[in-house]
Amino acid sequence: MAEAMELDLTLNENNGQQKNNPILSIKDVLKKDTTVPDNYKTEAYYENDKLGSDVLKQKYLAPWEEHPYQMWKRQATALASVEKK
């Protein structure tokens, strides 16, 4: 069985002050637009693939997500958040 790991994702600036964590909190994600295009809802995307749908739900979706579109949006936002402005 795999062991759980805790990661310290704290970012420090050169002057020693702590930066905000680039990974979004649950509250931030819940406040965002929750519209999902019909063709990217779990039922449509995994039309006849019950196993794929179950793996997605149990392994990859965050607790507040229901569809792959929401997961992709979360991942894209997290990746873009570390880009320099």
N, C-alpha and C. Protein backbone atom coordinates (compact mmCIF):
# COMPACT_ATOMS: atom_id res chain seq x y z
N MET A 1 0.84 -1.17 0.00
CA MET A 1 0.00 0.00 0.00
C MET A 1 0.89 1.25 0.00
N ALA A 2 0.49 2.25 -0.72
CA ALA A 2 1.27 3.48 -0.81
C ALA A 2 1.15 4.30 0.47
N GLU A 3 2.21 5.02 0.76
CA GLU A 3 2.20 5.89 1.93
C GLU A 3 1.79 7.30 1.53
N ALA A 4 1.14 8.00 2.43
CA ALA A 4 0.73 9.38 2.17
C ALA A 4 1.94 10.29 2.37
N MET A 5 2.03 11.32 1.55
CA MET A 5 3.12 12.28 1.67
C MET A 5 2.54 13.66 1.93
N GLU A 6 3.19 14.42 2.76
CA GLU A 6 2.80 15.81 2.97
C GLU A 6 3.85 16.68 2.31
N LEU A 7 3.39 17.62 1.51
CA LEU A 7 4.30 18.52 0.82
C LEU A 7 4.18 19.93 1.38
N ASP A 8 5.29 20.58 1.57
CA ASP A 8 5.29 21.97 1.98
C ASP A 8 5.44 22.80 0.71
N LEU A 9 4.36 23.43 0.28
CA LEU A 9 4.37 24.21 -0.95
C LEU A 9 4.50 25.71 -0.69
N THR A 10 5.03 26.06 0.47
CA THR A 10 5.22 27.46 0.81
C THR A 10 6.29 28.07 -0.08
N LEU A 11 6.00 29.22 -0.62
CA LEU A 11 6.95 29.94 -1.46
C LEU A 11 7.45 31.17 -0.72
N ASN A 12 8.74 31.34 -0.66
CA ASN A 12 9.32 32.50 0.00
C ASN A 12 9.93 33.43 -1.04
N GLU A 13 9.69 34.71 -0.86
CA GLU A 13 10.31 35.70 -1.74
C GLU A 13 11.72 35.95 -1.24
N ASN A 14 12.50 36.70 -2.02
CA ASN A 14 13.89 36.96 -1.66
C ASN A 14 14.03 37.68 -0.33
N ASN A 15 13.04 38.49 0.05
CA ASN A 15 13.13 39.24 1.29
C ASN A 15 12.62 38.45 2.50
N GLY A 16 12.31 37.16 2.31
CA GLY A 16 11.90 36.32 3.42
C GLY A 16 10.40 36.31 3.68
N GLN A 17 9.65 37.16 2.99
CA GLN A 17 8.21 37.16 3.19
C GLN A 17 7.57 36.00 2.45
N GLN A 18 6.51 35.49 3.02
CA GLN A 18 5.84 34.33 2.44
C GLN A 18 4.86 34.77 1.35
N LYS A 19 4.90 34.09 0.21
CA LYS A 19 3.97 34.34 -0.89
C LYS A 19 2.73 33.49 -0.70
N ASN A 20 1.66 33.88 -1.36
CA ASN A 20 0.46 33.05 -1.35
C ASN A 20 0.72 31.77 -2.13
N ASN A 21 0.14 30.69 -1.68
CA ASN A 21 0.27 29.41 -2.36
C ASN A 21 -0.45 29.50 -3.70
N PRO A 22 0.21 29.10 -4.80
CA PRO A 22 -0.43 29.21 -6.11
C PRO A 22 -1.57 28.23 -6.34
N ILE A 23 -1.68 27.23 -5.51
CA ILE A 23 -2.75 26.26 -5.67
C ILE A 23 -4.02 26.82 -5.05
N LEU A 24 -5.10 26.78 -5.80
CA LEU A 24 -6.35 27.38 -5.36
C LEU A 24 -6.94 26.63 -4.18
N SER A 25 -7.56 27.38 -3.29
CA SER A 25 -8.26 26.73 -2.19
C SER A 25 -9.65 26.30 -2.66
N ILE A 26 -10.28 25.45 -1.90
CA ILE A 26 -11.62 24.96 -2.26
C ILE A 26 -12.61 26.11 -2.37
N LYS A 27 -12.52 27.07 -1.46
CA LYS A 27 -13.45 28.20 -1.47
C LYS A 27 -13.34 28.99 -2.76
N ASP A 28 -12.12 29.21 -3.24
CA ASP A 28 -11.92 29.97 -4.47
C ASP A 28 -12.54 29.25 -5.67
N VAL A 29 -12.37 27.95 -5.72
CA VAL A 29 -12.90 27.18 -6.85
C VAL A 29 -14.43 27.17 -6.82
N LEU A 30 -15.00 27.03 -5.64
CA LEU A 30 -16.45 26.99 -5.53
C LEU A 30 -17.10 28.30 -5.95
N LYS A 31 -16.42 29.41 -5.76
CA LYS A 31 -16.96 30.73 -6.12
C LYS A 31 -16.96 30.95 -7.63
N LYS A 32 -16.13 30.20 -8.36
CA LYS A 32 -15.99 30.43 -9.79
C LYS A 32 -17.21 29.91 -10.56
N ASP A 33 -17.27 30.28 -11.81
CA ASP A 33 -18.36 29.86 -12.70
C ASP A 33 -18.43 28.34 -12.75
N THR A 34 -19.61 27.80 -12.55
CA THR A 34 -19.77 26.34 -12.51
C THR A 34 -20.46 25.79 -13.75
N THR A 35 -20.57 26.59 -14.80
CA THR A 35 -21.21 26.09 -16.02
C THR A 35 -20.28 25.11 -16.73
N VAL A 36 -20.84 24.01 -17.16
CA VAL A 36 -20.09 22.97 -17.86
C VAL A 36 -20.77 22.70 -19.19
N PRO A 37 -20.03 22.78 -20.31
CA PRO A 37 -20.64 22.45 -21.60
C PRO A 37 -21.19 21.02 -21.58
N ASP A 38 -22.31 20.80 -22.21
CA ASP A 38 -22.98 19.49 -22.17
C ASP A 38 -22.08 18.35 -22.65
N ASN A 39 -21.28 18.58 -23.69
CA ASN A 39 -20.44 17.50 -24.21
C ASN A 39 -19.25 17.18 -23.31
N TYR A 40 -18.99 17.98 -22.27
CA TYR A 40 -17.90 17.71 -21.33
C TYR A 40 -18.41 17.28 -19.96
N LYS A 41 -19.68 16.99 -19.85
CA LYS A 41 -20.20 16.42 -18.61
C LYS A 41 -19.82 14.94 -18.59
N THR A 42 -19.68 14.38 -17.41
CA THR A 42 -19.21 13.01 -17.27
C THR A 42 -20.04 12.02 -18.07
N GLU A 43 -21.36 12.17 -18.03
CA GLU A 43 -22.25 11.23 -18.71
C GLU A 43 -22.02 11.24 -20.22
N ALA A 44 -21.80 12.41 -20.80
CA ALA A 44 -21.60 12.52 -22.24
C ALA A 44 -20.17 12.15 -22.64
N TYR A 45 -19.20 12.58 -21.86
CA TYR A 45 -17.79 12.34 -22.20
C TYR A 45 -17.44 10.86 -22.09
N TYR A 46 -17.97 10.19 -21.07
CA TYR A 46 -17.74 8.76 -20.88
C TYR A 46 -19.05 8.01 -21.18
N GLU A 47 -19.57 8.21 -22.36
CA GLU A 47 -20.91 7.73 -22.73
C GLU A 47 -21.15 6.25 -22.40
N ASN A 48 -20.31 5.36 -22.87
CA ASN A 48 -20.51 3.93 -22.62
C ASN A 48 -19.32 3.33 -21.86
N ASP A 49 -18.62 4.14 -21.11
CA ASP A 49 -17.42 3.69 -20.40
C ASP A 49 -17.62 3.87 -18.90
N LYS A 50 -18.26 2.92 -18.28
CA LYS A 50 -18.54 2.99 -16.83
C LYS A 50 -17.24 2.96 -16.02
N LEU A 51 -16.27 2.13 -16.43
CA LEU A 51 -15.01 2.03 -15.71
C LEU A 51 -14.26 3.36 -15.75
N GLY A 52 -14.16 3.97 -16.94
CA GLY A 52 -13.49 5.26 -17.07
C GLY A 52 -14.14 6.33 -16.22
N SER A 53 -15.46 6.34 -16.21
CA SER A 53 -16.21 7.30 -15.42
C SER A 53 -15.95 7.10 -13.92
N ASP A 54 -15.94 5.84 -13.48
CA ASP A 54 -15.69 5.55 -12.06
C ASP A 54 -14.28 5.93 -11.64
N VAL A 55 -13.30 5.64 -12.49
CA VAL A 55 -11.90 6.00 -12.19
C VAL A 55 -11.76 7.51 -12.09
N LEU A 56 -12.37 8.22 -13.02
CA LEU A 56 -12.34 9.68 -12.98
C LEU A 56 -12.88 10.20 -11.66
N LYS A 57 -14.04 9.72 -11.27
CA LYS A 57 -14.70 10.20 -10.06
C LYS A 57 -13.92 9.84 -8.80
N GLN A 58 -13.40 8.63 -8.74
CA GLN A 58 -12.75 8.17 -7.52
C GLN A 58 -11.31 8.61 -7.38
N LYS A 59 -10.63 8.86 -8.50
CA LYS A 59 -9.20 9.13 -8.43
C LYS A 59 -8.79 10.55 -8.80
N TYR A 60 -9.45 11.16 -9.76
CA TYR A 60 -8.95 12.41 -10.32
C TYR A 60 -9.75 13.66 -9.97
N LEU A 61 -11.04 13.54 -9.76
CA LEU A 61 -11.85 14.72 -9.46
C LEU A 61 -11.65 15.15 -8.02
N ALA A 62 -11.56 16.45 -7.81
CA ALA A 62 -11.53 16.99 -6.45
C ALA A 62 -12.91 16.79 -5.83
N PRO A 63 -13.00 16.83 -4.51
CA PRO A 63 -14.29 16.56 -3.85
C PRO A 63 -15.46 17.43 -4.33
N TRP A 64 -15.18 18.62 -4.76
CA TRP A 64 -16.25 19.54 -5.17
C TRP A 64 -16.54 19.47 -6.68
N GLU A 65 -15.82 18.65 -7.41
CA GLU A 65 -16.00 18.55 -8.86
C GLU A 65 -16.88 17.37 -9.22
N GLU A 66 -17.59 17.50 -10.35
CA GLU A 66 -18.46 16.44 -10.83
C GLU A 66 -18.15 16.02 -12.26
N HIS A 67 -17.43 16.85 -13.01
CA HIS A 67 -17.22 16.60 -14.43
C HIS A 67 -15.75 16.84 -14.79
N PRO A 68 -15.25 16.19 -15.87
CA PRO A 68 -13.86 16.38 -16.28
C PRO A 68 -13.54 17.83 -16.65
N TYR A 69 -14.52 18.55 -17.16
CA TYR A 69 -14.31 19.95 -17.54
C TYR A 69 -13.85 20.78 -16.33
N GLN A 70 -14.45 20.52 -15.18
CA GLN A 70 -14.09 21.24 -13.96
C GLN A 70 -12.67 20.90 -13.53
N MET A 71 -12.28 19.64 -13.70
CA MET A 71 -10.92 19.22 -13.38
C MET A 71 -9.92 19.91 -14.30
N TRP A 72 -10.21 19.95 -15.60
CA TRP A 72 -9.31 20.59 -16.56
C TRP A 72 -9.17 22.07 -16.26
N LYS A 73 -10.27 22.70 -15.89
CA LYS A 73 -10.25 24.12 -15.57
C LYS A 73 -9.39 24.38 -14.33
N ARG A 74 -9.53 23.52 -13.31
CA ARG A 74 -8.73 23.64 -12.09
C ARG A 74 -7.25 23.46 -12.39
N GLN A 75 -6.92 22.46 -13.21
CA GLN A 75 -5.52 22.19 -13.54
C GLN A 75 -4.92 23.33 -14.36
N ALA A 76 -5.66 23.84 -15.31
CA ALA A 76 -5.16 24.94 -16.14
C ALA A 76 -4.93 26.19 -15.31
N THR A 77 -5.83 26.47 -14.38
CA THR A 77 -5.68 27.63 -13.51
C THR A 77 -4.46 27.48 -12.60
N ALA A 78 -4.26 26.28 -12.06
CA ALA A 78 -3.11 26.04 -11.19
C ALA A 78 -1.80 26.17 -11.97
N LEU A 79 -1.76 25.64 -13.19
CA LEU A 79 -0.55 25.74 -14.01
C LEU A 79 -0.26 27.19 -14.38
N ALA A 80 -1.28 27.93 -14.75
CA ALA A 80 -1.10 29.32 -15.15
C ALA A 80 -0.74 30.23 -13.97
N SER A 81 -1.10 29.83 -12.77
CA SER A 81 -0.87 30.69 -11.60
C SER A 81 0.61 30.86 -11.27
N VAL A 82 1.46 29.96 -11.73
CA VAL A 82 2.89 30.09 -11.42
C VAL A 82 3.66 30.82 -12.52
N GLU A 83 2.98 31.22 -13.58
CA GLU A 83 3.62 32.00 -14.64
C GLU A 83 3.93 33.40 -14.15
N LYS A 84 5.05 33.94 -14.60
CA LYS A 84 5.36 35.33 -14.26
C LYS A 84 4.45 36.26 -15.05
N LYS A 85 4.05 37.32 -14.39
CA LYS A 85 3.14 38.28 -15.06
C LYS A 85 3.91 39.30 -15.83
